[in-house]
N, C-alpha and C. Protein backbone atom coordinates (compact mmCIF):
# COMPACT_ATOMS: atom_id res chain seq x y z
N MET A 1 66.73 95.80 108.83
CA MET A 1 67.77 96.38 108.00
C MET A 1 68.83 95.29 107.72
N VAL A 2 69.29 95.24 106.46
CA VAL A 2 70.28 94.27 106.02
C VAL A 2 71.67 94.88 106.24
N SER A 3 72.56 94.11 106.83
CA SER A 3 73.90 94.61 107.05
C SER A 3 74.71 94.56 105.77
N ASP A 4 75.76 95.44 105.71
CA ASP A 4 76.64 95.44 104.56
C ASP A 4 77.34 94.09 104.43
N GLU A 5 77.62 93.43 105.56
CA GLU A 5 78.30 92.16 105.49
C GLU A 5 77.44 91.11 104.77
N SER A 6 76.13 91.08 105.08
CA SER A 6 75.29 90.08 104.46
C SER A 6 75.10 90.37 102.96
N LEU A 7 75.03 91.67 102.61
CA LEU A 7 74.98 92.05 101.19
C LEU A 7 76.24 91.62 100.48
N ASP A 8 77.38 91.77 101.18
CA ASP A 8 78.64 91.48 100.60
C ASP A 8 78.81 89.97 100.28
N LYS A 9 78.02 89.14 100.94
CA LYS A 9 78.15 87.69 100.75
C LYS A 9 76.93 87.03 100.11
N ASP A 10 75.95 87.82 99.67
CA ASP A 10 74.75 87.22 99.07
C ASP A 10 75.09 86.39 97.82
N TRP A 11 76.12 86.76 97.12
CA TRP A 11 76.55 86.06 95.91
C TRP A 11 76.88 84.59 96.19
N GLN A 12 77.30 84.25 97.43
CA GLN A 12 77.70 82.93 97.75
C GLN A 12 76.57 81.92 97.57
N ASP A 13 75.34 82.37 97.71
CA ASP A 13 74.21 81.46 97.53
C ASP A 13 74.10 80.95 96.11
N PHE A 14 74.74 81.59 95.13
CA PHE A 14 74.64 81.22 93.71
C PHE A 14 75.93 80.60 93.17
N ALA A 15 76.91 80.39 94.05
CA ALA A 15 78.22 79.94 93.62
C ALA A 15 78.23 78.46 93.22
N ASN A 16 79.01 78.13 92.19
CA ASN A 16 79.17 76.76 91.76
C ASN A 16 79.78 75.87 92.88
N CYS A 17 80.53 76.50 93.75
CA CYS A 17 81.25 75.73 94.77
C CYS A 17 80.38 75.43 95.98
N LEU A 18 79.17 75.93 95.99
CA LEU A 18 78.26 75.65 97.10
C LEU A 18 78.10 74.15 97.25
N GLY A 19 78.46 73.63 98.40
CA GLY A 19 78.32 72.23 98.64
C GLY A 19 79.55 71.36 98.26
N VAL A 20 80.55 72.01 97.62
CA VAL A 20 81.76 71.34 97.24
C VAL A 20 82.70 71.34 98.46
N ASP A 21 83.48 70.29 98.61
CA ASP A 21 84.45 70.21 99.74
C ASP A 21 85.35 71.41 99.70
N PRO A 22 85.36 72.23 100.74
CA PRO A 22 86.23 73.44 100.76
C PRO A 22 87.70 73.14 100.62
N ASP A 23 88.15 71.95 101.04
CA ASP A 23 89.55 71.62 100.92
C ASP A 23 90.05 71.67 99.48
N LEU A 24 89.15 71.47 98.51
CA LEU A 24 89.50 71.56 97.09
C LEU A 24 90.06 72.95 96.77
N PHE A 25 89.52 73.98 97.45
CA PHE A 25 89.89 75.32 97.16
C PHE A 25 91.09 75.83 97.97
N PHE A 26 91.58 74.98 98.87
CA PHE A 26 92.74 75.34 99.70
C PHE A 26 93.75 74.18 99.59
N PRO A 27 94.31 73.99 98.40
CA PRO A 27 95.24 72.85 98.22
C PRO A 27 96.57 73.10 98.96
N GLU A 28 97.21 72.02 99.24
CA GLU A 28 98.55 72.07 99.88
C GLU A 28 99.49 72.84 98.95
N ARG A 29 100.48 73.45 99.54
CA ARG A 29 101.45 74.20 98.76
C ARG A 29 102.05 73.33 97.66
N GLY A 30 102.02 73.82 96.41
CA GLY A 30 102.59 73.10 95.31
C GLY A 30 101.61 72.14 94.65
N ALA A 31 100.47 71.89 95.27
CA ALA A 31 99.47 70.98 94.68
C ALA A 31 98.68 71.68 93.55
N SER A 32 98.09 70.92 92.73
CA SER A 32 97.35 71.42 91.58
C SER A 32 96.11 72.20 92.03
N THR A 33 95.86 73.30 91.31
CA THR A 33 94.65 74.11 91.54
C THR A 33 93.65 73.90 90.43
N ARG A 34 93.97 73.02 89.49
CA ARG A 34 93.17 72.84 88.29
C ARG A 34 91.71 72.47 88.61
N GLU A 35 91.50 71.56 89.51
CA GLU A 35 90.13 71.10 89.79
C GLU A 35 89.30 72.26 90.41
N ALA A 36 89.89 72.99 91.29
CA ALA A 36 89.19 74.11 91.94
C ALA A 36 88.84 75.20 90.88
N LYS A 37 89.82 75.45 90.02
CA LYS A 37 89.58 76.48 88.98
C LYS A 37 88.51 76.00 88.01
N GLU A 38 88.43 74.69 87.76
CA GLU A 38 87.41 74.13 86.90
C GLU A 38 86.01 74.37 87.48
N VAL A 39 85.86 74.25 88.76
CA VAL A 39 84.60 74.49 89.44
C VAL A 39 84.22 75.94 89.21
N CYS A 40 85.21 76.86 89.28
CA CYS A 40 84.92 78.28 89.10
C CYS A 40 84.61 78.66 87.71
N ARG A 41 85.11 77.90 86.75
CA ARG A 41 84.89 78.25 85.34
C ARG A 41 83.38 78.22 85.04
N GLY A 42 82.90 79.31 84.52
CA GLY A 42 81.51 79.40 84.16
C GLY A 42 80.56 79.74 85.33
N CYS A 43 81.10 79.98 86.51
CA CYS A 43 80.29 80.30 87.65
C CYS A 43 79.75 81.71 87.47
N VAL A 44 78.45 81.86 87.73
CA VAL A 44 77.80 83.12 87.49
C VAL A 44 78.25 84.23 88.45
N VAL A 45 78.83 83.83 89.60
CA VAL A 45 79.29 84.85 90.58
C VAL A 45 80.80 84.86 90.71
N ARG A 46 81.46 84.38 89.69
CA ARG A 46 82.94 84.31 89.78
C ARG A 46 83.57 85.69 90.03
N GLU A 47 83.07 86.71 89.32
CA GLU A 47 83.65 88.07 89.52
C GLU A 47 83.36 88.61 90.92
N ASP A 48 82.17 88.31 91.44
CA ASP A 48 81.84 88.73 92.81
C ASP A 48 82.75 88.08 93.81
N CYS A 49 82.99 86.81 93.60
CA CYS A 49 83.89 86.02 94.47
C CYS A 49 85.31 86.61 94.44
N LEU A 50 85.80 86.87 93.24
CA LEU A 50 87.13 87.44 93.10
C LEU A 50 87.20 88.80 93.77
N GLU A 51 86.22 89.65 93.54
CA GLU A 51 86.23 90.98 94.18
C GLU A 51 86.18 90.88 95.69
N TYR A 52 85.42 89.94 96.21
CA TYR A 52 85.34 89.72 97.66
C TYR A 52 86.74 89.39 98.18
N ALA A 53 87.41 88.47 97.52
CA ALA A 53 88.75 88.09 97.95
C ALA A 53 89.75 89.25 97.86
N LEU A 54 89.61 90.05 96.82
CA LEU A 54 90.53 91.16 96.67
C LEU A 54 90.24 92.22 97.75
N ARG A 55 88.97 92.53 98.00
CA ARG A 55 88.60 93.52 99.02
C ARG A 55 88.99 93.11 100.41
N ASN A 56 88.93 91.81 100.66
CA ASN A 56 89.21 91.29 102.02
C ASN A 56 90.62 90.73 102.15
N SER A 57 91.42 90.96 101.15
CA SER A 57 92.81 90.47 101.17
C SER A 57 92.98 89.02 101.58
N GLU A 58 92.12 88.18 100.95
CA GLU A 58 92.24 86.74 101.18
C GLU A 58 93.59 86.30 100.73
N LYS A 59 94.32 85.69 101.62
CA LYS A 59 95.69 85.28 101.29
C LYS A 59 95.81 83.85 100.87
N PHE A 60 94.83 83.03 101.10
CA PHE A 60 94.88 81.62 100.81
C PHE A 60 93.71 81.18 99.96
N GLY A 61 93.94 80.14 99.16
CA GLY A 61 92.83 79.50 98.47
C GLY A 61 92.58 80.07 97.09
N ILE A 62 91.69 79.39 96.42
CA ILE A 62 91.24 79.78 95.08
C ILE A 62 89.92 80.55 95.28
N TRP A 63 89.89 81.77 94.80
CA TRP A 63 88.70 82.62 94.90
C TRP A 63 88.47 83.20 93.50
N GLY A 64 87.27 83.09 92.99
CA GLY A 64 86.99 83.62 91.66
C GLY A 64 87.85 83.03 90.56
N GLY A 65 88.27 81.78 90.81
CA GLY A 65 89.08 81.07 89.84
C GLY A 65 90.55 81.49 89.82
N MET A 66 90.99 82.21 90.81
CA MET A 66 92.37 82.69 90.87
C MET A 66 93.10 82.34 92.14
N SER A 67 94.36 82.03 91.99
CA SER A 67 95.18 81.72 93.16
C SER A 67 95.60 83.01 93.84
N GLU A 68 96.20 82.86 95.01
CA GLU A 68 96.70 84.06 95.75
C GLU A 68 97.71 84.80 94.92
N ARG A 69 98.60 84.10 94.26
CA ARG A 69 99.60 84.75 93.43
C ARG A 69 98.94 85.58 92.30
N GLU A 70 97.91 85.00 91.65
CA GLU A 70 97.22 85.72 90.60
C GLU A 70 96.48 86.96 91.16
N ARG A 71 95.86 86.80 92.35
CA ARG A 71 95.20 87.92 92.96
C ARG A 71 96.19 89.03 93.35
N ARG A 72 97.34 88.62 93.84
CA ARG A 72 98.36 89.60 94.23
C ARG A 72 98.76 90.44 93.00
N ARG A 73 98.89 89.80 91.83
CA ARG A 73 99.17 90.51 90.60
C ARG A 73 98.11 91.54 90.28
N ILE A 74 96.86 91.14 90.43
CA ILE A 74 95.75 92.09 90.17
C ILE A 74 95.81 93.29 91.19
N ARG A 75 96.06 92.99 92.45
CA ARG A 75 96.13 94.07 93.44
C ARG A 75 97.30 95.03 93.10
N ARG A 76 98.41 94.46 92.67
CA ARG A 76 99.57 95.30 92.31
C ARG A 76 99.23 96.19 91.11
N GLN A 77 98.59 95.59 90.11
CA GLN A 77 98.20 96.35 88.88
C GLN A 77 97.22 97.46 89.22
N ARG A 78 96.25 97.16 90.07
CA ARG A 78 95.26 98.18 90.48
C ARG A 78 95.91 99.32 91.26
N ALA A 79 96.84 98.98 92.09
CA ALA A 79 97.59 99.98 92.85
C ALA A 79 98.37 100.89 91.91
N LEU A 80 99.01 100.33 90.89
CA LEU A 80 99.76 101.13 89.92
C LEU A 80 98.80 102.03 89.15
N GLU A 81 97.62 101.50 88.79
CA GLU A 81 96.63 102.32 88.08
C GLU A 81 96.12 103.47 88.93
N ARG A 82 95.88 103.18 90.25
CA ARG A 82 95.43 104.23 91.15
C ARG A 82 96.51 105.33 91.27
N GLN A 83 97.73 104.91 91.42
CA GLN A 83 98.88 105.83 91.54
C GLN A 83 98.97 106.70 90.28
N ALA A 84 98.86 106.12 89.14
CA ALA A 84 98.96 106.86 87.86
C ALA A 84 97.78 107.86 87.79
N ALA A 85 96.57 107.46 88.21
CA ALA A 85 95.43 108.36 88.19
C ALA A 85 95.66 109.57 89.13
N LEU A 86 96.21 109.27 90.32
CA LEU A 86 96.47 110.36 91.29
C LEU A 86 97.50 111.32 90.73
N GLU A 87 98.51 110.77 90.03
CA GLU A 87 99.50 111.68 89.43
C GLU A 87 98.90 112.57 88.35
N VAL A 88 97.99 112.03 87.58
CA VAL A 88 97.35 112.81 86.52
C VAL A 88 96.53 113.91 87.19
N ILE A 89 95.83 113.59 88.26
CA ILE A 89 94.97 114.61 88.95
C ILE A 89 95.91 115.70 89.53
N ALA A 90 96.99 115.26 90.16
CA ALA A 90 97.93 116.25 90.77
C ALA A 90 98.52 117.16 89.68
N GLU A 91 98.87 116.58 88.53
CA GLU A 91 99.42 117.41 87.45
C GLU A 91 98.43 118.41 86.90
N SER A 92 97.12 117.96 86.78
CA SER A 92 96.11 118.82 86.24
C SER A 92 95.77 119.95 87.22
N GLN A 93 95.89 119.65 88.51
CA GLN A 93 95.62 120.71 89.52
C GLN A 93 96.80 121.68 89.60
N ALA A 94 97.98 121.21 89.33
CA ALA A 94 99.17 122.07 89.32
C ALA A 94 99.13 123.05 88.15
N ILE A 95 98.52 122.59 87.02
CA ILE A 95 98.46 123.43 85.83
C ILE A 95 97.40 124.50 86.00
N SER A 96 96.35 124.18 86.72
CA SER A 96 95.20 125.12 86.86
C SER A 96 95.53 126.30 87.66
C-alpha cells in the first residue's frame, strides 16, 4: 500500500529543481529570488509544488515559483473566499 505522504510528494520526481542546489531556493533575507523563480518557470509540477507548500504551511523558501510573502497572500485570499462561501451557505439555510 502506498502512503498518502509518498503520493503527496510524487511530483518531486518531475520537478525542474531536481538536482539543483537547494540553497538557491532558500536565499538570505533580502537576497534576490529571481534565479530560483526562473528554475520554477515552465516546470511541469509547479502547481503541485505550490499546493504542497500551501497545504504544509511552508514558511521559508521558493515553492512553486512563489516566495513566502506571495504564498501568504494566496492563503489569506483563500481564507476570505472560504469565509464568504460559509456566509452564503449560512444565509441560504436561514432563508429555508
